[in-house]
Amino acid sequence: MTDSITVNGIGMDYIRFGKGERAFVILPGLDTKSILISAMAIEAAYRDFAEEYTVYVFDRRKDMPDGYSIRQMASDTAEAMTALGISQADIFGASLGGMIAMCIAIDHPELVRRLVLGSTASRMDDDINAATNHWIELAEIGDMTALTADFIDNLYSEQTIGKYKDFLIHMNDNVTRHDIDRFIIQAKAINGFDVYDELDKIKCPTLVIGVEGDKVLPADCSREIAEKIGCELYLYGSEYGHCVFDEAPDYKQRLMDFYNQI
């Protein structure tokens, strides 16, 4: 089901499914559209979790101010989780969602039981900022054709592009100006993000999953996080892309195996 919650005047959409006693929270990455559009696909992708978990997938806040930071995204998400009675959740954050998840684990450790960080980074460098700035420039001029092409080339593996390109080229169809403005605010928040020196505050069991073929947030970003936290690291090979969490057939099982460790 899709729903919305308002806390301290801030509204946030979310998806909820499953009947399990445990809470599984998914924090998705940067996108041009609301997660609600993909609710059925997300539920299908994570259906194996629905027996043991109640699954929550959180969007960003509805009214997103200029200068909205990743730390603020984390704070708003934490408040929504608390209002929904979620604590000691198993959390999976992908890409930008992984940055938000790190902030939640640092600032609100009581909300996190186990943490998986997928295809993400704890701090930006010039190359990452340049890629993000290019997306911002294309979005600002409304060139969705070029933005979509850049997404396809940088987010997915050659195998996925070859198989699904006819579908992928339509990913930004029907995007509104409001959607684009939200995308720009989130993309700008990525630039300058840096919690590297705070990673040792993350005390919950953590798994970092990266991919050697990631053109957006290279595998060294994952290595750096795992080394700083002192946690488990798994790297997929170069046959996968940044969105390995949607590509690798064993990814969801890898999450489940980690969460089920004693």
Protein backbone atom coordinates (compact mmCIF):
# COMPACT_ATOMS: atom_id res chain seq x y z
CA MET A 1 0.00 0.00 0.00
CA THR A 2 1.05 3.60 -0.49
CA ASP A 3 0.55 6.14 2.26
CA SER A 4 1.72 9.48 3.58
CA ILE A 5 2.73 10.77 6.98
CA THR A 6 3.08 14.32 8.28
CA VAL A 7 5.42 15.07 11.18
CA ASN A 8 6.08 18.61 12.41
CA GLY A 9 4.42 19.96 9.29
CA ILE A 10 6.61 17.89 6.95
CA GLY A 11 4.82 15.42 4.67
CA MET A 12 6.47 12.28 3.33
CA ASP A 13 5.12 9.51 1.10
CA TYR A 14 6.03 5.91 1.69
CA ILE A 15 5.23 2.38 0.56
CA ARG A 16 4.40 -0.34 3.07
CA PHE A 17 3.86 -4.04 2.54
CA GLY A 18 4.39 -7.34 4.33
CA LYS A 19 3.09 -8.66 7.64
CA GLY A 20 6.24 -9.60 9.53
CA GLU A 21 7.10 -8.39 13.03
CA ARG A 22 10.52 -7.12 11.96
CA ALA A 23 10.91 -3.76 10.20
CA PHE A 24 12.83 -3.50 6.93
CA VAL A 25 13.42 0.05 5.68
CA ILE A 26 14.53 0.78 2.11
CA LEU A 27 15.97 4.19 1.26
CA PRO A 28 16.17 4.50 -2.53
CA GLY A 29 18.61 6.55 -4.55
CA LEU A 30 18.31 9.70 -6.62
CA ASP A 31 15.47 9.65 -9.14
CA THR A 32 13.35 12.02 -11.17
CA LYS A 33 10.06 10.47 -10.07
CA SER A 34 8.27 9.62 -6.84
CA ILE A 35 8.72 6.10 -5.53
CA LEU A 36 4.93 5.75 -5.49
CA ILE A 37 4.97 5.32 -9.26
CA SER A 38 7.11 2.21 -8.81
CA ALA A 39 5.23 0.78 -5.83
CA MET A 40 4.13 -2.44 -7.54
CA ALA A 41 7.59 -3.08 -9.00
CA ILE A 42 9.29 -2.47 -5.65
CA GLU A 43 6.89 -4.79 -3.86
CA ALA A 44 7.51 -7.49 -6.46
CA ALA A 45 11.29 -7.09 -6.22
CA TYR A 46 11.28 -7.44 -2.42
CA ARG A 47 8.39 -9.88 -2.05
CA ASP A 48 10.63 -12.47 -0.33
CA PHE A 49 10.96 -10.08 2.62
CA ALA A 50 7.20 -9.75 3.15
CA GLU A 51 6.84 -12.88 5.26
CA GLU A 52 9.35 -11.95 7.96
CA TYR A 53 9.15 -8.18 7.66
CA THR A 54 6.89 -5.22 7.38
CA VAL A 55 8.70 -3.37 4.60
CA TYR A 56 8.80 0.43 4.39
CA VAL A 57 10.16 2.37 1.42
CA PHE A 58 10.49 6.10 2.12
CA ASP A 59 10.40 8.92 -0.40
CA ARG A 60 11.90 12.35 0.39
CA ARG A 61 9.72 15.05 1.93
CA LYS A 62 7.02 16.51 -0.29
CA ASP A 63 7.94 20.20 -0.02
CA MET A 64 11.68 20.20 -0.56
CA PRO A 65 13.36 23.56 0.20
CA ASP A 66 16.36 24.93 -1.66
CA GLY A 67 19.56 23.95 0.09
CA TYR A 68 17.97 20.80 1.49
CA SER A 69 20.88 18.70 2.75
CA ILE A 70 21.34 14.95 3.01
CA ARG A 71 21.56 15.36 6.78
CA GLN A 72 18.14 17.02 6.73
CA MET A 73 16.80 14.20 4.55
CA ALA A 74 18.03 11.76 7.18
CA SER A 75 16.50 13.74 10.02
CA ASP A 76 13.11 13.94 8.28
CA THR A 77 13.19 10.21 7.53
CA ALA A 78 14.14 9.40 11.12
CA GLU A 79 11.21 11.47 12.40
CA ALA A 80 8.84 9.66 10.03
CA MET A 81 10.18 6.28 11.19
CA THR A 82 9.73 7.24 14.84
CA ALA A 83 6.19 8.47 14.22
CA LEU A 84 5.36 5.15 12.58
CA GLY A 85 6.72 3.24 15.56
CA ILE A 86 9.75 1.90 13.70
CA SER A 87 12.88 1.18 15.73
CA GLN A 88 15.74 -1.30 15.47
CA ALA A 89 15.02 -1.66 11.77
CA ASP A 90 17.09 -3.49 9.21
CA ILE A 91 17.94 -0.71 6.78
CA PHE A 92 19.09 -0.84 3.17
CA GLY A 93 20.23 2.41 1.59
CA ALA A 94 21.19 2.54 -2.08
CA SER A 95 23.30 5.32 -3.61
CA LEU A 96 21.87 8.61 -2.25
CA GLY A 97 19.74 6.44 0.02
CA GLY A 98 22.96 4.97 1.40
CA MET A 99 24.17 8.45 2.29
CA ILE A 100 20.91 9.09 4.12
CA ALA A 101 21.22 5.72 5.85
CA MET A 102 24.72 6.54 7.09
CA CYS A 103 23.43 9.77 8.62
CA ILE A 104 20.58 7.94 10.33
CA ALA A 105 22.98 5.35 11.75
CA ILE A 106 25.27 8.12 13.01
CA ASP A 107 22.61 10.44 14.46
CA HIS A 108 19.84 7.99 15.39
CA PRO A 109 21.49 4.65 16.23
CA GLU A 110 18.39 3.48 18.12
CA LEU A 111 16.56 3.20 14.80
CA VAL A 112 19.01 0.79 13.21
CA ARG A 113 19.56 -2.89 14.00
CA ARG A 114 21.57 -3.89 10.91
CA LEU A 115 22.67 -1.71 8.02
CA VAL A 116 23.45 -2.41 4.37
CA LEU A 117 25.00 0.34 2.25
CA GLY A 118 24.78 -0.29 -1.49
CA SER A 119 26.63 1.56 -4.27
CA THR A 120 27.26 4.62 -2.14
CA ALA A 121 29.95 6.96 -0.80
CA SER A 122 30.71 8.72 2.47
CA ARG A 123 32.31 11.73 0.79
CA MET A 124 32.51 13.25 -2.65
CA ASP A 125 35.51 13.99 -4.85
CA ASP A 126 35.94 16.17 -7.92
CA ASP A 127 35.01 13.41 -10.37
CA ILE A 128 31.77 12.56 -8.55
CA ASN A 129 30.88 16.25 -8.25
CA ALA A 130 31.53 16.75 -11.97
CA ALA A 131 29.17 13.92 -12.90
CA THR A 132 26.47 15.22 -10.57
CA ASN A 133 26.89 18.77 -11.85
CA HIS A 134 26.42 17.52 -15.41
CA TRP A 135 23.10 15.96 -14.42
CA ILE A 136 22.08 19.20 -12.71
CA GLU A 137 22.93 21.24 -15.83
CA LEU A 138 20.89 18.95 -18.09
CA ALA A 139 17.94 19.02 -15.68
CA GLU A 140 18.05 22.79 -15.35
CA ILE A 141 17.74 23.28 -19.11
CA GLY A 142 15.10 20.55 -19.29
CA ASP A 143 17.06 18.30 -21.66
CA MET A 144 15.53 15.04 -20.46
CA THR A 145 16.65 13.15 -23.56
CA ALA A 146 20.30 13.84 -22.79
CA LEU A 147 19.79 13.23 -19.07
CA THR A 148 18.13 9.88 -19.76
CA ALA A 149 20.94 8.86 -22.11
CA ASP A 150 23.52 9.77 -19.47
CA PHE A 151 21.61 7.80 -16.83
CA ILE A 152 21.50 4.73 -19.06
CA ASP A 153 25.20 4.89 -19.89
CA ASN A 154 26.36 5.43 -16.32
CA LEU A 155 23.89 3.56 -14.13
CA TYR A 156 23.56 0.23 -15.90
CA SER A 157 25.76 -2.55 -17.21
CA GLU A 158 26.15 -3.23 -20.92
CA GLN A 159 24.13 -6.42 -20.51
CA THR A 160 21.19 -4.60 -18.94
CA ILE A 161 21.34 -1.82 -21.54
CA GLY A 162 21.36 -4.36 -24.35
CA LYS A 163 18.37 -6.19 -22.91
CA TYR A 164 16.23 -3.32 -21.64
CA LYS A 165 17.26 -0.18 -23.54
CA ASP A 166 13.86 0.16 -25.24
CA PHE A 167 12.32 0.31 -21.78
CA LEU A 168 15.04 2.45 -20.15
CA ILE A 169 14.80 5.25 -22.70
CA HIS A 170 11.31 5.95 -21.38
CA MET A 171 12.32 6.20 -17.71
CA ASN A 172 11.87 9.97 -17.67
CA ASP A 173 8.73 10.16 -19.77
CA ASN A 174 6.03 12.41 -18.27
CA VAL A 175 8.41 14.01 -15.78
CA THR A 176 7.01 17.35 -14.61
CA ARG A 177 8.84 20.58 -13.85
CA HIS A 178 8.12 19.92 -10.17
CA ASP A 179 9.78 16.50 -10.48
CA ILE A 180 12.82 18.07 -12.15
CA ASP A 181 13.14 20.74 -9.44
CA ARG A 182 13.07 18.04 -6.75
CA PHE A 183 15.72 16.09 -8.62
CA ILE A 184 17.97 19.17 -8.83
CA ILE A 185 17.68 19.88 -5.10
CA GLN A 186 18.63 16.30 -4.24
CA ALA A 187 21.49 16.23 -6.75
CA LYS A 188 22.88 19.48 -5.36
CA ALA A 189 22.77 17.96 -1.86
CA ILE A 190 25.17 15.24 -2.97
CA ASN A 191 27.87 17.78 -3.80
CA GLY A 192 29.95 18.43 -0.72
CA PHE A 193 28.46 15.52 1.24
CA ASP A 194 31.04 14.26 3.73
CA VAL A 195 30.50 12.05 6.78
CA TYR A 196 33.75 10.10 6.41
CA ASP A 197 35.18 11.31 9.72
CA GLU A 198 31.98 10.29 11.51
CA LEU A 199 31.76 6.74 10.20
CA ASP A 200 33.32 5.32 13.36
CA LYS A 201 30.12 6.37 15.15
CA ILE A 202 28.28 3.61 13.28
CA LYS A 203 28.25 0.73 15.74
CA CYS A 204 25.54 -1.53 14.31
CA PRO A 205 26.52 -4.54 12.18
CA THR A 206 27.09 -3.18 8.69
CA LEU A 207 27.58 -4.64 5.23
CA VAL A 208 28.89 -2.50 2.39
CA ILE A 209 28.12 -3.71 -1.15
CA GLY A 210 29.85 -2.10 -4.12
CA VAL A 211 30.60 -2.98 -7.69
CA GLU A 212 33.82 -2.81 -9.68
CA GLY A 213 31.89 -1.59 -12.71
CA ASP A 214 30.32 1.42 -10.98
CA LYS A 215 30.84 4.55 -13.11
CA VAL A 216 29.04 6.86 -10.66
CA LEU A 217 30.36 5.96 -7.20
CA PRO A 218 33.43 3.77 -7.83
CA ALA A 219 34.24 0.66 -5.85
CA ASP A 220 36.92 2.55 -3.93
CA CYS A 221 34.10 4.50 -2.25
CA SER A 222 32.73 1.24 -0.88
CA ARG A 223 36.18 0.06 0.16
CA GLU A 224 36.76 3.32 2.01
CA ILE A 225 33.50 3.06 3.97
CA ALA A 226 34.08 -0.56 4.96
CA GLU A 227 37.66 0.10 6.04
CA LYS A 228 36.67 3.13 8.13
CA ILE A 229 33.77 1.34 9.85
CA GLY A 230 35.68 -1.93 10.07
CA CYS A 231 32.81 -3.90 8.62
CA GLU A 232 32.09 -6.54 6.00
CA LEU A 233 32.55 -5.63 2.32
CA TYR A 234 31.30 -7.40 -0.79
CA LEU A 235 32.19 -6.23 -4.29
CA TYR A 236 30.47 -7.40 -7.46
CA GLY A 237 32.54 -7.57 -10.62
CA SER A 238 32.71 -5.23 -13.57
CA GLU A 239 29.89 -7.07 -15.33
CA TYR A 240 27.45 -5.01 -13.25
CA GLY A 241 26.80 -1.27 -13.01
CA HIS A 242 25.87 1.24 -10.34
CA CYS A 243 22.34 -0.20 -10.14
CA VAL A 244 23.67 -3.65 -9.31
CA PHE A 245 20.93 -3.88 -6.66
CA ASP A 246 18.46 -4.17 -9.56
CA GLU A 247 20.74 -6.26 -11.79
CA ALA A 248 22.43 -9.00 -9.74
CA PRO A 249 20.09 -11.98 -9.25
CA ASP A 250 21.52 -12.80 -5.81
CA TYR A 251 21.49 -9.25 -4.39
CA LYS A 252 18.25 -9.54 -2.41
CA GLN A 253 19.29 -12.89 -0.97
CA ARG A 254 22.60 -11.36 0.07
CA LEU A 255 20.65 -8.75 2.04
CA MET A 256 18.47 -11.37 3.67
CA ASP A 257 21.44 -13.54 4.62
CA PHE A 258 23.13 -10.60 6.32
CA TYR A 259 20.03 -9.50 8.21
CA ASN A 260 19.45 -13.05 9.42
CA GLN A 261 22.90 -13.42 10.95
CA ILE A 262 22.86 -13.85 14.70
